[in-house]
Amino acid sequence: MIHKLLFMLSITALLLYVWTGNQLVDEDLLLTVAIGGFIASILLTFLIKIGKFLLTVTVLVLLGLIAFQFVVPAL
């Protein structure tokens, strides 16, 4: 959700830069917000996907360990 908001903020800053140039707000500020928003949204997207993958792997390993503890005493 946050990465989508950052992406929309960067698109808005880029559109404001294109529409007004440096008349309304300093153009360096708008370009910094636009580029920073794009980079942050991309990085957050990758972090979320990697986090979901690592969470899935952790849950599977824990389930495997729990199952192993039940099987070993039966042997």
PDB file of N, CA and C in Angstrom:
ATOM      1  N   MET A   1       0.821  -1.189   0.000  1.00  0.00           N
ATOM      2  CA  MET A   1       0.000   0.000   0.000  1.00  0.00           C
ATOM      3  C   MET A   1       0.866   1.254   0.000  1.00  0.00           C
ATOM      4  N   ILE A   2       1.911   1.265   0.832  1.00  0.00           N
ATOM      5  CA  ILE A   2       2.767   2.446   0.909  1.00  0.00           C
ATOM      6  C   ILE A   2       3.515   2.651  -0.399  1.00  0.00           C
ATOM      7  N   HIS A   3       3.973   1.539  -1.021  1.00  0.00           N
ATOM      8  CA  HIS A   3       4.710   1.698  -2.266  1.00  0.00           C
ATOM      9  C   HIS A   3       3.818   2.245  -3.376  1.00  0.00           C
ATOM     10  N   LYS A   4       2.526   1.924  -3.334  1.00  0.00           N
ATOM     11  CA  LYS A   4       1.605   2.480  -4.330  1.00  0.00           C
ATOM     12  C   LYS A   4       1.380   3.970  -4.092  1.00  0.00           C
ATOM     13  N   LEU A   5       1.293   4.371  -2.817  1.00  0.00           N
ATOM     14  CA  LEU A   5       1.145   5.794  -2.500  1.00  0.00           C
ATOM     15  C   LEU A   5       2.386   6.583  -2.911  1.00  0.00           C
ATOM     16  N   LEU A   6       3.569   6.009  -2.682  1.00  0.00           N
ATOM     17  CA  LEU A   6       4.797   6.677  -3.113  1.00  0.00           C
ATOM     18  C   LEU A   6       4.846   6.817  -4.626  1.00  0.00           C
ATOM     19  N   PHE A   7       4.407   5.788  -5.325  1.00  0.00           N
ATOM     20  CA  PHE A   7       4.388   5.839  -6.783  1.00  0.00           C
ATOM     21  C   PHE A   7       3.433   6.927  -7.267  1.00  0.00           C
ATOM     22  N   MET A   8       2.249   7.014  -6.653  1.00  0.00           N
ATOM     23  CA  MET A   8       1.288   8.047  -7.052  1.00  0.00           C
ATOM     24  C   MET A   8       1.819   9.440  -6.721  1.00  0.00           C
ATOM     25  N   LEU A   9       2.503   9.584  -5.587  1.00  0.00           N
ATOM     26  CA  LEU A   9       3.093  10.866  -5.222  1.00  0.00           C
ATOM     27  C   LEU A   9       4.168  11.277  -6.218  1.00  0.00           C
ATOM     28  N   SER A  10       4.982  10.325  -6.650  1.00  0.00           N
ATOM     29  CA  SER A  10       6.028  10.655  -7.614  1.00  0.00           C
ATOM     30  C   SER A  10       5.443  11.002  -8.977  1.00  0.00           C
ATOM     31  N   ILE A  11       4.377  10.322  -9.383  1.00  0.00           N
ATOM     32  CA  ILE A  11       3.706  10.673 -10.640  1.00  0.00           C
ATOM     33  C   ILE A  11       3.116  12.075 -10.544  1.00  0.00           C
ATOM     34  N   THR A  12       2.504  12.396  -9.407  1.00  0.00           N
ATOM     35  CA  THR A  12       1.930  13.728  -9.211  1.00  0.00           C
ATOM     36  C   THR A  12       3.013  14.800  -9.255  1.00  0.00           C
ATOM     37  N   ALA A  13       4.139  14.544  -8.607  1.00  0.00           N
ATOM     38  CA  ALA A  13       5.240  15.514  -8.625  1.00  0.00           C
ATOM     39  C   ALA A  13       5.793  15.683 -10.030  1.00  0.00           C
ATOM     40  N   LEU A  14       5.891  14.596 -10.771  1.00  0.00           N
ATOM     41  CA  LEU A  14       6.386  14.679 -12.145  1.00  0.00           C
ATOM     42  C   LEU A  14       5.412  15.444 -13.032  1.00  0.00           C
ATOM     43  N   LEU A  15       4.118  15.190 -12.875  1.00  0.00           N
ATOM     44  CA  LEU A  15       3.122  15.927 -13.656  1.00  0.00           C
ATOM     45  C   LEU A  15       3.111  17.406 -13.293  1.00  0.00           C
ATOM     46  N   LEU A  16       3.266  17.715 -12.020  1.00  0.00           N
ATOM     47  CA  LEU A  16       3.328  19.109 -11.589  1.00  0.00           C
ATOM     48  C   LEU A  16       4.567  19.794 -12.153  1.00  0.00           C
ATOM     49  N   TYR A  17       5.665  19.067 -12.223  1.00  0.00           N
ATOM     50  CA  TYR A  17       6.892  19.607 -12.819  1.00  0.00           C
ATOM     51  C   TYR A  17       6.694  19.896 -14.300  1.00  0.00           C
ATOM     52  N   VAL A  18       6.071  18.965 -15.004  1.00  0.00           N
ATOM     53  CA  VAL A  18       5.849  19.148 -16.442  1.00  0.00           C
ATOM     54  C   VAL A  18       4.864  20.280 -16.697  1.00  0.00           C
ATOM     55  N   TRP A  19       3.840  20.372 -15.873  1.00  0.00           N
ATOM     56  CA  TRP A  19       2.779  21.356 -16.103  1.00  0.00           C
ATOM     57  C   TRP A  19       3.221  22.772 -15.761  1.00  0.00           C
ATOM     58  N   THR A  20       3.892  22.947 -14.622  1.00  0.00           N
ATOM     59  CA  THR A  20       4.227  24.299 -14.176  1.00  0.00           C
ATOM     60  C   THR A  20       5.687  24.664 -14.366  1.00  0.00           C
ATOM     61  N   GLY A  21       6.555  23.678 -14.543  1.00  0.00           N
ATOM     62  CA  GLY A  21       7.976  23.992 -14.605  1.00  0.00           C
ATOM     63  C   GLY A  21       8.458  24.468 -13.253  1.00  0.00           C
ATOM     64  N   ASN A  22       9.150  25.593 -13.220  1.00  0.00           N
ATOM     65  CA  ASN A  22       9.635  26.113 -11.939  1.00  0.00           C
ATOM     66  C   ASN A  22       8.842  27.333 -11.494  1.00  0.00           C
ATOM     67  N   GLN A  23       7.643  27.509 -12.013  1.00  0.00           N
ATOM     68  CA  GLN A  23       6.847  28.684 -11.671  1.00  0.00           C
ATOM     69  C   GLN A  23       6.168  28.531 -10.311  1.00  0.00           C
ATOM     70  N   LEU A  24       5.679  27.350 -10.001  1.00  0.00           N
ATOM     71  CA  LEU A  24       4.932  27.146  -8.758  1.00  0.00           C
ATOM     72  C   LEU A  24       5.842  26.697  -7.613  1.00  0.00           C
ATOM     73  N   VAL A  25       6.617  25.676  -7.870  1.00  0.00           N
ATOM     74  CA  VAL A  25       7.528  25.114  -6.870  1.00  0.00           C
ATOM     75  C   VAL A  25       8.884  24.938  -7.544  1.00  0.00           C
ATOM     76  N   ASP A  26       9.938  24.943  -6.760  1.00  0.00           N
ATOM     77  CA  ASP A  26      11.278  24.754  -7.301  1.00  0.00           C
ATOM     78  C   ASP A  26      11.349  23.431  -8.064  1.00  0.00           C
ATOM     79  N   GLU A  27      11.879  23.489  -9.284  1.00  0.00           N
ATOM     80  CA  GLU A  27      11.881  22.286 -10.121  1.00  0.00           C
ATOM     81  C   GLU A  27      12.807  21.211  -9.567  1.00  0.00           C
ATOM     82  N   ASP A  28      13.872  21.592  -8.886  1.00  0.00           N
ATOM     83  CA  ASP A  28      14.748  20.582  -8.288  1.00  0.00           C
ATOM     84  C   ASP A  28      14.022  19.780  -7.214  1.00  0.00           C
ATOM     85  N   LEU A  29      13.192  20.449  -6.447  1.00  0.00           N
ATOM     86  CA  LEU A  29      12.416  19.760  -5.418  1.00  0.00           C
ATOM     87  C   LEU A  29      11.442  18.765  -6.045  1.00  0.00           C
ATOM     88  N   LEU A  30      10.761  19.188  -7.109  1.00  0.00           N
ATOM     89  CA  LEU A  30       9.798  18.291  -7.755  1.00  0.00           C
ATOM     90  C   LEU A  30      10.492  17.087  -8.378  1.00  0.00           C
ATOM     91  N   LEU A  31      11.629  17.318  -9.034  1.00  0.00           N
ATOM     92  CA  LEU A  31      12.352  16.193  -9.626  1.00  0.00           C
ATOM     93  C   LEU A  31      12.910  15.262  -8.552  1.00  0.00           C
ATOM     94  N   THR A  32      13.351  15.822  -7.442  1.00  0.00           N
ATOM     95  CA  THR A  32      13.849  14.990  -6.346  1.00  0.00           C
ATOM     96  C   THR A  32      12.735  14.121  -5.777  1.00  0.00           C
ATOM     97  N   VAL A  33      11.572  14.707  -5.583  1.00  0.00           N
ATOM     98  CA  VAL A  33      10.429  13.938  -5.074  1.00  0.00           C
ATOM     99  C   VAL A  33      10.016  12.872  -6.081  1.00  0.00           C
ATOM    100  N   ALA A  34       9.995  13.218  -7.368  1.00  0.00           N
ATOM    101  CA  ALA A  34       9.575  12.260  -8.391  1.00  0.00           C
ATOM    102  C   ALA A  34      10.547  11.087  -8.478  1.00  0.00           C
ATOM    103  N   ILE A  35      11.828  11.382  -8.598  1.00  0.00           N
ATOM    104  CA  ILE A  35      12.821  10.311  -8.732  1.00  0.00           C
ATOM    105  C   ILE A  35      12.918   9.499  -7.441  1.00  0.00           C
ATOM    106  N   GLY A  36      12.928  10.178  -6.304  1.00  0.00           N
ATOM    107  CA  GLY A  36      12.979   9.463  -5.026  1.00  0.00           C
ATOM    108  C   GLY A  36      11.756   8.589  -4.803  1.00  0.00           C
ATOM    109  N   GLY A  37      10.591   9.075  -5.214  1.00  0.00           N
ATOM    110  CA  GLY A  37       9.371   8.280  -5.079  1.00  0.00           C
ATOM    111  C   GLY A  37       9.393   7.032  -5.936  1.00  0.00           C
ATOM    112  N   PHE A  38       9.883   7.169  -7.178  1.00  0.00           N
ATOM    113  CA  PHE A  38       9.992   6.003  -8.056  1.00  0.00           C
ATOM    114  C   PHE A  38      10.944   4.966  -7.469  1.00  0.00           C
ATOM    115  N   ILE A  39      12.110   5.416  -7.041  1.00  0.00           N
ATOM    116  CA  ILE A  39      13.100   4.485  -6.501  1.00  0.00           C
ATOM    117  C   ILE A  39      12.589   3.828  -5.220  1.00  0.00           C
ATOM    118  N   ALA A  40      11.995   4.622  -4.338  1.00  0.00           N
ATOM    119  CA  ALA A  40      11.483   4.064  -3.081  1.00  0.00           C
ATOM    120  C   ALA A  40      10.348   3.076  -3.328  1.00  0.00           C
ATOM    121  N   SER A  41       9.465   3.374  -4.280  1.00  0.00           N
ATOM    122  CA  SER A  41       8.360   2.449  -4.546  1.00  0.00           C
ATOM    123  C   SER A  41       8.869   1.142  -5.137  1.00  0.00           C
ATOM    124  N   ILE A  42       9.877   1.207  -5.999  1.00  0.00           N
ATOM    125  CA  ILE A  42      10.445  -0.019  -6.570  1.00  0.00           C
ATOM    126  C   ILE A  42      11.120  -0.847  -5.480  1.00  0.00           C
ATOM    127  N   LEU A  43      11.916  -0.192  -4.634  1.00  0.00           N
ATOM    128  CA  LEU A  43      12.598  -0.919  -3.563  1.00  0.00           C
ATOM    129  C   LEU A  43      11.607  -1.528  -2.570  1.00  0.00           C
ATOM    130  N   LEU A  44      10.569  -0.782  -2.214  1.00  0.00           N
ATOM    131  CA  LEU A  44       9.567  -1.324  -1.289  1.00  0.00           C
ATOM    132  C   LEU A  44       8.819  -2.502  -1.898  1.00  0.00           C
ATOM    133  N   THR A  45       8.544  -2.432  -3.201  1.00  0.00           N
ATOM    134  CA  THR A  45       7.879  -3.552  -3.870  1.00  0.00           C
ATOM    135  C   THR A  45       8.733  -4.811  -3.782  1.00  0.00           C
ATOM    136  N   PHE A  46      10.038  -4.682  -4.067  1.00  0.00           N
ATOM    137  CA  PHE A  46      10.929  -5.836  -3.975  1.00  0.00           C
ATOM    138  C   PHE A  46      11.041  -6.345  -2.543  1.00  0.00           C
ATOM    139  N   LEU A  47      11.123  -5.427  -1.574  1.00  0.00           N
ATOM    140  CA  LEU A  47      11.214  -5.849  -0.181  1.00  0.00           C
ATOM    141  C   LEU A  47       9.966  -6.595   0.265  1.00  0.00           C
ATOM    142  N   ILE A  48       8.806  -6.144  -0.178  1.00  0.00           N
ATOM    143  CA  ILE A  48       7.560  -6.820   0.190  1.00  0.00           C
ATOM    144  C   ILE A  48       7.518  -8.218  -0.414  1.00  0.00           C
ATOM    145  N   LYS A  49       7.928  -8.344  -1.690  1.00  0.00           N
ATOM    146  CA  LYS A  49       7.912  -9.667  -2.323  1.00  0.00           C
ATOM    147  C   LYS A  49       8.920 -10.604  -1.676  1.00  0.00           C
ATOM    148  N   ILE A  50      10.111 -10.099  -1.372  1.00  0.00           N
ATOM    149  CA  ILE A  50      11.118 -10.927  -0.712  1.00  0.00           C
ATOM    150  C   ILE A  50      10.657 -11.296   0.696  1.00  0.00           C
ATOM    151  N   GLY A  51      10.032 -10.353   1.392  1.00  0.00           N
ATOM    152  CA  GLY A  51       9.529 -10.620   2.739  1.00  0.00           C
ATOM    153  C   GLY A  51       8.462 -11.695   2.750  1.00  0.00           C
ATOM    154  N   LYS A  52       7.558 -11.657   1.780  1.00  0.00           N
ATOM    155  CA  LYS A  52       6.523 -12.697   1.697  1.00  0.00           C
ATOM    156  C   LYS A  52       7.156 -14.056   1.433  1.00  0.00           C
ATOM    157  N   PHE A  53       8.167 -14.095   0.560  1.00  0.00           N
ATOM    158  CA  PHE A  53       8.848 -15.349   0.257  1.00  0.00           C
ATOM    159  C   PHE A  53       9.549 -15.893   1.498  1.00  0.00           C
ATOM    160  N   LEU A  54      10.280 -15.027   2.203  1.00  0.00           N
ATOM    161  CA  LEU A  54      10.990 -15.475   3.399  1.00  0.00           C
ATOM    162  C   LEU A  54      10.029 -15.917   4.496  1.00  0.00           C
ATOM    163  N   LEU A  55       8.900 -15.243   4.619  1.00  0.00           N
ATOM    164  CA  LEU A  55       7.900 -15.646   5.607  1.00  0.00           C
ATOM    165  C   LEU A  55       7.340 -17.024   5.267  1.00  0.00           C
ATOM    166  N   THR A  56       7.080 -17.275   3.994  1.00  0.00           N
ATOM    167  CA  THR A  56       6.578 -18.578   3.565  1.00  0.00           C
ATOM    168  C   THR A  56       7.600 -19.672   3.852  1.00  0.00           C
ATOM    169  N   VAL A  57       8.865 -19.417   3.538  1.00  0.00           N
ATOM    170  CA  VAL A  57       9.919 -20.402   3.791  1.00  0.00           C
ATOM    171  C   VAL A  57      10.049 -20.672   5.286  1.00  0.00           C
ATOM    172  N   THR A  58       9.990 -19.627   6.104  1.00  0.00           N
ATOM    173  CA  THR A  58      10.101 -19.795   7.553  1.00  0.00           C
ATOM    174  C   THR A  58       8.957 -20.638   8.102  1.00  0.00           C
ATOM    175  N   VAL A  59       7.755 -20.387   7.641  1.00  0.00           N
ATOM    176  CA  VAL A  59       6.597 -21.161   8.102  1.00  0.00           C
ATOM    177  C   VAL A  59       6.738 -22.622   7.690  1.00  0.00           C
ATOM    178  N   LEU A  60       7.190 -22.873   6.471  1.00  0.00           N
ATOM    179  CA  LEU A  60       7.360 -24.255   6.024  1.00  0.00           C
ATOM    180  C   LEU A  60       8.440 -24.974   6.826  1.00  0.00           C
ATOM    181  N   VAL A  61       9.529 -24.290   7.133  1.00  0.00           N
ATOM    182  CA  VAL A  61      10.592 -24.903   7.936  1.00  0.00           C
ATOM    183  C   VAL A  61      10.083 -25.207   9.346  1.00  0.00           C
ATOM    184  N   LEU A  62       9.346 -24.280   9.944  1.00  0.00           N
ATOM    185  CA  LEU A  62       8.801 -24.524  11.285  1.00  0.00           C
ATOM    186  C   LEU A  62       7.814 -25.685  11.292  1.00  0.00           C
ATOM    187  N   LEU A  63       6.970 -25.754  10.273  1.00  0.00           N
ATOM    188  CA  LEU A  63       6.041 -26.889  10.188  1.00  0.00           C
ATOM    189  C   LEU A  63       6.798 -28.200  10.017  1.00  0.00           C
ATOM    190  N   GLY A  64       7.866 -28.174   9.239  1.00  0.00           N
ATOM    191  CA  GLY A  64       8.693 -29.367   9.071  1.00  0.00           C
ATOM    192  C   GLY A  64       9.353 -29.793  10.371  1.00  0.00           C
ATOM    193  N   LEU A  65       9.842 -28.830  11.144  1.00  0.00           N
ATOM    194  CA  LEU A  65      10.457 -29.160  12.432  1.00  0.00           C
ATOM    195  C   LEU A  65       9.441 -29.725  13.415  1.00  0.00           C
ATOM    196  N   ILE A  66       8.254 -29.161  13.439  1.00  0.00           N
ATOM    197  CA  ILE A  66       7.205 -29.673  14.329  1.00  0.00           C
ATOM    198  C   ILE A  66       6.820 -31.094  13.928  1.00  0.00           C
ATOM    199  N   ALA A  67       6.662 -31.334  12.636  1.00  0.00           N
ATOM    200  CA  ALA A  67       6.327 -32.682  12.167  1.00  0.00           C
ATOM    201  C   ALA A  67       7.458 -33.655  12.481  1.00  0.00           C
ATOM    202  N   PHE A  68       8.703 -33.219  12.342  1.00  0.00           N
ATOM    203  CA  PHE A  68       9.852 -34.074  12.638  1.00  0.00           C
ATOM    204  C   PHE A  68       9.885 -34.457  14.115  1.00  0.00           C
ATOM    205  N   GLN A  69       9.519 -33.542  14.998  1.00  0.00           N
ATOM    206  CA  GLN A  69       9.509 -33.843  16.430  1.00  0.00           C
ATOM    207  C   GLN A  69       8.436 -34.867  16.784  1.00  0.00           C
ATOM    208  N   PHE A  70       7.356 -34.890  16.022  1.00  0.00           N
ATOM    209  CA  PHE A  70       6.319 -35.891  16.273  1.00  0.00           C
ATOM    210  C   PHE A  70       6.698 -37.250  15.701  1.00  0.00           C
ATOM    211  N   VAL A  71       7.469 -37.268  14.619  1.00  0.00           N
ATOM    212  CA  VAL A  71       7.811 -38.529  13.959  1.00  0.00           C
ATOM    213  C   VAL A  71       8.962 -39.229  14.677  1.00  0.00           C
ATOM    214  N   VAL A  72       9.971 -38.488  15.137  1.00  0.00           N
ATOM    215  CA  VAL A  72      11.162 -39.097  15.738  1.00  0.00           C
ATOM    216  C   VAL A  72      10.831 -39.944  16.972  1.00  0.00           C
ATOM    217  N   PRO A  73       9.996 -39.491  17.909  1.00  0.00           N
ATOM    218  CA  PRO A  73       9.695 -40.361  19.064  1.00  0.00           C
ATOM    219  C   PRO A  73       8.978 -41.654  18.669  1.00  0.00           C
ATOM    220  N   ALA A  74       8.290 -41.652  17.557  1.00  0.00           N
ATOM    221  CA  ALA A  74       7.574 -42.860  17.136  1.00  0.00           C
ATOM    222  C   ALA A  74       8.518 -43.899  16.547  1.00  0.00           C
ATOM    223  N   LEU A  75       9.730 -43.503  16.197  1.00  0.00           N
ATOM    224  CA  LEU A  75      10.659 -44.465  15.582  1.00  0.00           C
ATOM    225  C   LEU A  75      11.324 -45.339  16.574  1.00  0.00           C
TER     226      LEU A  75
END
